[in-house]
Protein backbone atom coordinates (compact mmCIF):
# COMPACT_ATOMS: atom_id res chain seq x y z
CA MET A 1 29.40 -27.67 -61.74
CA PRO A 2 26.19 -29.48 -62.37
CA PHE A 3 23.67 -29.88 -59.50
CA THR A 4 20.07 -31.04 -58.80
CA LYS A 5 17.75 -29.26 -56.46
CA MET A 6 15.51 -31.71 -54.59
CA HIS A 7 13.22 -31.49 -51.58
CA GLY A 8 11.46 -33.75 -49.04
CA ALA A 9 8.21 -31.80 -47.92
CA GLY A 10 9.83 -28.50 -48.80
CA ASN A 11 13.03 -29.21 -46.85
CA ASP A 12 15.17 -28.46 -50.01
CA TYR A 13 18.85 -29.18 -50.73
CA ILE A 14 21.25 -28.78 -53.57
CA PHE A 15 22.66 -32.08 -54.50
CA ILE A 16 26.09 -32.35 -56.02
CA ASP A 17 27.04 -35.73 -57.73
CA CYS A 18 30.59 -36.56 -56.68
CA MET A 19 30.39 -40.30 -57.45
CA SER A 20 32.99 -39.86 -60.06
CA ASP A 21 36.34 -38.04 -60.06
CA LYS A 22 34.97 -35.34 -62.35
CA THR A 23 33.49 -33.31 -59.66
CA LYS A 24 35.83 -32.35 -56.78
CA ILE A 25 34.83 -29.87 -54.09
CA LYS A 26 37.53 -28.24 -52.32
CA ASN A 27 35.57 -26.03 -49.89
CA PRO A 28 32.15 -27.43 -49.43
CA ALA A 29 31.23 -25.03 -46.48
CA GLU A 30 31.94 -22.04 -48.59
CA LEU A 31 29.99 -23.68 -51.44
CA ALA A 32 26.97 -24.09 -49.20
CA ARG A 33 27.13 -20.37 -48.14
CA GLN A 34 27.14 -19.22 -51.76
CA MET A 35 24.59 -21.66 -53.18
CA SER A 36 22.01 -21.62 -50.38
CA PRO A 37 20.82 -17.99 -50.24
CA PRO A 38 17.50 -17.32 -52.06
CA HIS A 39 18.27 -14.07 -53.74
CA PHE A 40 22.01 -14.22 -54.47
CA GLY A 41 22.31 -18.03 -54.73
CA ILE A 42 20.02 -20.98 -55.82
CA GLY A 43 18.01 -20.96 -52.62
CA ALA A 44 17.99 -24.01 -50.30
CA ASP A 45 18.40 -25.21 -46.73
CA GLY A 46 21.91 -26.42 -47.64
CA ILE A 47 23.85 -28.62 -50.05
CA VAL A 48 24.51 -32.40 -50.03
CA LEU A 49 27.54 -34.11 -51.58
CA ILE A 50 26.81 -37.65 -52.98
CA LEU A 51 29.99 -39.50 -52.69
CA PRO A 52 31.35 -43.05 -53.34
CA SER A 53 31.65 -45.38 -50.33
CA SER A 54 33.65 -48.53 -49.67
CA GLU A 55 30.93 -49.88 -47.37
CA ALA A 56 27.56 -48.71 -48.80
CA ASP A 57 25.94 -47.73 -52.00
CA ALA A 58 26.90 -44.02 -51.49
CA ARG A 59 27.95 -41.69 -48.82
CA MET A 60 26.52 -38.43 -48.04
CA ARG A 61 27.95 -35.18 -46.61
CA MET A 62 25.50 -32.39 -45.87
CA PHE A 63 26.30 -28.76 -45.22
CA ASN A 64 23.78 -26.31 -43.63
CA ALA A 65 23.11 -23.01 -45.33
CA ASP A 66 25.61 -21.21 -42.90
CA GLY A 67 28.34 -23.71 -43.88
CA SER A 68 28.27 -25.80 -40.69
CA GLU A 69 28.37 -29.67 -41.46
CA GLY A 70 25.47 -31.67 -40.39
CA LYS A 71 25.46 -35.28 -39.30
CA MET A 72 22.15 -36.57 -40.52
CA CYS A 73 19.16 -35.52 -42.51
CA GLY A 74 16.25 -37.75 -43.28
CA ASN A 75 14.82 -35.78 -46.28
CA ALA A 76 18.22 -35.68 -47.81
CA LEU A 77 18.52 -39.45 -47.31
CA ARG A 78 15.27 -40.09 -49.28
CA CYS A 79 16.28 -37.76 -51.97
CA ILE A 80 19.58 -39.41 -52.41
CA GLY A 81 17.80 -42.83 -52.81
CA ARG A 82 15.74 -41.42 -55.51
CA PHE A 83 18.86 -39.72 -57.12
CA LEU A 84 20.81 -42.95 -57.28
CA TYR A 85 18.04 -44.94 -58.73
CA GLU A 86 16.95 -42.50 -61.38
CA ARG A 87 20.47 -41.61 -62.37
CA GLY A 88 21.28 -45.15 -63.00
CA TYR A 89 23.84 -45.86 -60.18
CA THR A 90 21.65 -48.67 -58.93
CA ARG A 91 18.47 -50.78 -59.83
CA LYS A 92 18.15 -52.05 -56.25
CA THR A 93 15.18 -50.79 -54.22
CA SER A 94 16.97 -51.53 -50.93
CA LEU A 95 19.97 -49.26 -50.45
CA VAL A 96 22.56 -48.55 -47.77
CA ILE A 97 23.84 -45.07 -47.40
CA GLU A 98 26.78 -43.94 -45.37
CA THR A 99 26.21 -40.74 -43.15
CA ALA A 100 28.32 -38.97 -40.52
CA SER A 101 25.86 -40.63 -37.95
CA GLY A 102 26.60 -44.04 -39.33
CA ILE A 103 25.10 -46.47 -41.82
CA ARG A 104 21.36 -45.96 -42.72
CA ARG A 105 19.28 -48.36 -44.70
CA LEU A 106 16.64 -47.12 -47.25
CA TRP A 107 13.84 -48.87 -49.27
CA ILE A 108 12.50 -47.44 -52.31
CA LYS A 109 8.81 -47.91 -53.31
CA LEU A 110 8.15 -47.92 -57.10
CA LYS A 111 4.94 -47.96 -59.14
CA GLY A 112 5.22 -48.85 -62.75
CA GLY A 113 8.98 -48.53 -62.37
CA ARG A 114 8.74 -45.00 -61.16
CA PHE A 115 9.75 -43.65 -57.72
CA VAL A 116 6.85 -42.98 -55.40
CA SER A 117 8.37 -42.74 -51.85
CA ALA A 118 11.07 -44.09 -49.52
CA LEU A 119 11.24 -45.61 -46.17
CA ALA A 120 14.30 -45.05 -44.10
CA ASP A 121 15.57 -46.64 -40.97
CA MET A 122 16.79 -43.68 -39.10
CA GLY A 123 18.46 -45.57 -36.16
CA ARG A 124 17.64 -45.56 -32.53
CA ALA A 125 16.60 -42.50 -30.73
CA SER A 126 18.69 -41.85 -27.71
CA PHE A 127 17.62 -40.05 -24.50
CA LEU A 128 21.10 -40.04 -23.00
CA ALA A 129 22.38 -36.62 -22.22
CA ALA A 130 25.79 -37.54 -23.32
CA ASP A 131 24.55 -38.67 -26.76
CA VAL A 132 22.60 -35.48 -27.47
CA PRO A 133 24.69 -33.87 -26.08
CA VAL A 134 23.05 -31.69 -23.38
CA LEU A 135 24.70 -30.58 -20.21
CA ALA A 136 21.72 -31.43 -17.97
CA ALA A 137 20.16 -34.62 -16.67
CA PRO A 138 16.37 -35.18 -17.29
CA ASP A 139 14.00 -35.14 -14.53
CA ARG A 140 11.78 -38.07 -13.39
CA GLU A 141 9.38 -37.39 -16.17
CA GLY A 142 12.11 -37.33 -18.81
CA TYR A 143 12.16 -33.46 -19.32
CA ILE A 144 14.97 -31.03 -19.15
CA THR A 145 14.11 -27.47 -18.07
CA ILE A 146 15.93 -24.97 -20.36
CA GLY A 147 16.11 -21.37 -19.04
CA GLY A 148 16.97 -18.21 -20.92
CA LEU A 149 14.17 -18.54 -23.56
CA LEU A 150 12.53 -15.14 -24.05
CA GLY A 151 12.79 -14.41 -20.48
CA GLY A 152 11.57 -17.62 -19.12
CA SER A 153 12.10 -21.39 -19.22
CA CYS A 154 10.49 -24.39 -20.99
CA ARG A 155 10.61 -28.02 -20.51
CA ALA A 156 12.01 -30.09 -23.32
CA THR A 157 12.68 -33.71 -24.19
CA CYS A 158 16.19 -33.85 -25.49
CA ILE A 159 16.89 -36.67 -28.03
CA SER A 160 19.70 -37.69 -30.36
CA MET A 161 18.80 -38.99 -33.82
CA GLY A 162 22.29 -38.87 -34.90
CA ASN A 163 22.05 -35.06 -34.27
CA PRO A 164 20.73 -33.09 -31.34
CA HIS A 165 17.08 -32.32 -30.81
CA ALA A 166 15.02 -30.62 -28.18
CA VAL A 167 11.27 -31.46 -28.47
CA PHE A 168 8.80 -28.95 -26.83
CA PHE A 169 5.22 -30.07 -26.48
CA THR A 170 2.76 -27.08 -26.92
CA ASP A 171 -0.91 -26.48 -27.28
CA ASP A 172 -0.42 -24.55 -30.59
CA PRO A 173 2.90 -24.53 -32.50
CA GLU A 174 1.58 -22.05 -34.83
CA LYS A 175 1.71 -19.47 -32.08
CA THR A 176 5.23 -20.20 -30.99
CA ASP A 177 7.96 -17.54 -31.46
CA LEU A 178 10.08 -19.98 -33.31
CA ALA A 179 12.65 -17.40 -34.35
CA GLY A 180 12.98 -15.90 -30.88
CA ILE A 181 13.36 -19.36 -29.09
CA GLY A 182 15.54 -20.69 -32.03
CA ALA A 183 17.97 -17.81 -31.74
CA ALA A 184 18.10 -18.21 -27.82
CA LEU A 185 18.89 -21.93 -28.31
CA ALA A 186 21.62 -21.25 -31.07
CA ASN A 187 24.30 -20.54 -28.54
CA HIS A 188 22.70 -21.84 -25.37
CA PRO A 189 25.15 -23.23 -22.77
CA LEU A 190 23.30 -26.34 -22.26
CA PHE A 191 23.94 -27.54 -25.87
CA PRO A 192 27.71 -27.48 -26.70
CA GLU A 193 26.96 -28.65 -30.30
CA GLY A 194 23.90 -26.52 -30.81
CA VAL A 195 20.35 -28.10 -31.09
CA ASN A 196 17.38 -28.44 -33.42
CA ALA A 197 14.23 -27.41 -31.75
CA GLU A 198 10.68 -28.98 -32.46
CA PHE A 199 7.51 -27.58 -31.25
CA ALA A 200 4.79 -30.15 -31.39
CA ARG A 201 1.23 -30.92 -30.51
CA VAL A 202 -0.31 -34.35 -30.27
CA ALA A 203 -3.95 -34.63 -31.36
CA GLY A 204 -6.11 -37.45 -32.67
CA GLY A 205 -3.06 -39.85 -32.58
CA GLU A 206 -1.18 -37.48 -34.98
CA ILE A 207 1.49 -34.94 -34.52
CA TYR A 208 1.39 -31.25 -35.71
CA MET A 209 4.69 -29.54 -35.50
CA ARG A 210 7.21 -26.83 -36.59
CA VAL A 211 10.99 -27.01 -36.59
CA TRP A 212 13.93 -24.65 -36.04
CA GLU A 213 17.18 -26.29 -37.49
CA ARG A 214 20.57 -25.24 -36.26
CA GLY A 215 22.66 -23.63 -38.98
CA THR A 216 19.55 -22.91 -41.08
CA GLY A 217 16.56 -21.55 -39.09
CA GLU A 218 12.87 -22.48 -39.66
CA THR A 219 12.49 -25.05 -42.36
CA LEU A 220 9.24 -26.46 -43.91
CA ALA A 221 10.10 -29.89 -42.73
CA CYS A 222 12.79 -31.95 -41.01
CA GLY A 223 13.07 -35.78 -41.11
CA THR A 224 15.14 -36.26 -38.00
CA GLY A 225 12.97 -33.73 -36.31
CA ALA A 226 9.84 -35.71 -37.23
CA CYS A 227 11.58 -38.83 -35.82
CA ALA A 228 12.67 -36.98 -32.64
CA SER A 229 9.03 -35.66 -32.02
CA ALA A 230 7.45 -39.10 -32.55
CA ALA A 231 9.97 -40.78 -30.28
CA ALA A 232 9.28 -38.12 -27.59
CA ALA A 233 5.70 -38.72 -27.94
CA VAL A 234 6.06 -42.40 -27.39
CA HIS A 235 8.49 -42.00 -24.67
CA HIS A 236 5.87 -39.87 -22.67
CA CYS A 237 3.17 -42.50 -23.45
CA LEU A 238 1.28 -39.91 -25.67
CA LEU A 239 1.46 -42.28 -28.62
CA PRO A 240 1.80 -46.08 -28.94
CA TYR A 241 4.84 -48.21 -30.05
CA ASP A 242 4.83 -50.04 -33.26
CA THR A 243 2.06 -47.90 -34.86
CA PRO A 244 2.42 -45.60 -37.85
CA ILE A 245 2.16 -41.94 -36.84
CA LYS A 246 1.27 -39.23 -39.19
CA ILE A 247 3.20 -36.16 -38.74
CA HIS A 248 2.07 -32.91 -40.23
CA MET A 249 4.63 -30.05 -41.02
CA ARG A 250 4.33 -26.94 -42.99
CA GLY A 251 5.88 -28.49 -46.10
CA GLY A 252 3.88 -31.80 -46.00
CA ASP A 253 3.32 -35.00 -44.05
CA PHE A 254 5.45 -37.92 -42.97
CA GLU A 255 4.84 -41.25 -41.42
CA ALA A 256 6.98 -42.52 -38.52
CA THR A 257 6.88 -45.72 -36.69
CA VAL A 258 8.71 -46.02 -33.33
CA LYS A 259 9.75 -49.57 -32.36
CA LYS A 260 10.02 -50.78 -28.76
CA ASN A 261 13.71 -50.32 -28.80
CA PHE A 262 13.10 -46.86 -30.11
CA ARG A 263 14.31 -47.51 -33.58
CA VAL A 264 12.53 -45.17 -35.92
CA LEU A 265 11.39 -45.77 -39.42
CA LEU A 266 10.51 -42.82 -41.40
CA SER A 267 8.43 -42.63 -44.64
CA GLY A 268 7.91 -39.76 -47.11
CA THR A 269 8.32 -38.44 -50.62
CA ALA A 270 11.46 -37.00 -52.33
CA GLU A 271 10.86 -34.62 -55.30
CA THR A 272 13.20 -33.40 -58.00
CA VAL A 273 12.78 -29.62 -58.52
CA PHE A 274 15.26 -29.01 -61.36
CA ASP A 275 18.93 -29.54 -62.65
CA GLY A 276 21.28 -26.72 -63.23
CA THR A 277 24.87 -25.48 -63.47
CA PHE A 278 26.69 -23.36 -60.82
CA TYR A 279 29.73 -21.38 -62.12
CA ASP A 280 32.59 -20.97 -59.87
CA THR A 281 34.18 -18.20 -61.66
CA GLU A 282 37.12 -17.70 -59.25
CA ASP A 283 37.89 -21.47 -59.04
CA LYS A 284 37.90 -21.32 -55.15
CA LEU A 285 35.21 -24.03 -54.45
């Protein structure tokens, strides 16, 4: 089974070209569990299937390292744009991708005919508890108090970017016990579908953050997490609307712009690491 490993700011996925009938995946969840481990597999945050679509240039399905299916991934979205362009599936620089969270538009930036970066319309951030979903209502300031986190409680801004996020503003994300809090959130009763957690600091008009992704753990970057953090900062008047916001993560930087209707545009790179072949010796995948 041919595959391509790609990443956006270190958030890496294994992409499988299913645009033709030649590649059929019977059990993508198990395939993700086999391919993702760094020592016994290829090593990635998950896998992404690139599929044909009747209403878009392509359709994506993503599976986290634990086999759970995700609804949306901004880094994978940009990588798909680069993949489709460089593998000859399109010569357009404006693409439409079908995701489990709906249709997303993507614009590719070229220089000398070569891919440089991509800008993605990530959709509108929603603060409605039912959309996240979270089983609590925010207070007057827009925060939800989450208990049972390392023996205490923290206030978070809960947001849907097509997938669930809890953004915690902190003085120093680097000192956060990300693994401890992430584990506590994994099966927290307030989040029936789980939640991705961002720990962010706003300084000098920019955001510095770390992220814990449900189904994977800490990742070097997260596109929807960057969008959720930017939307939360604008929501609390920490940063302005309609202004590019630089977001720093351990794997690299993004630029997000939050519109007045909370539609978020995200710009960043997408890199190809290598192509390879995965052998399903038992023909179970």
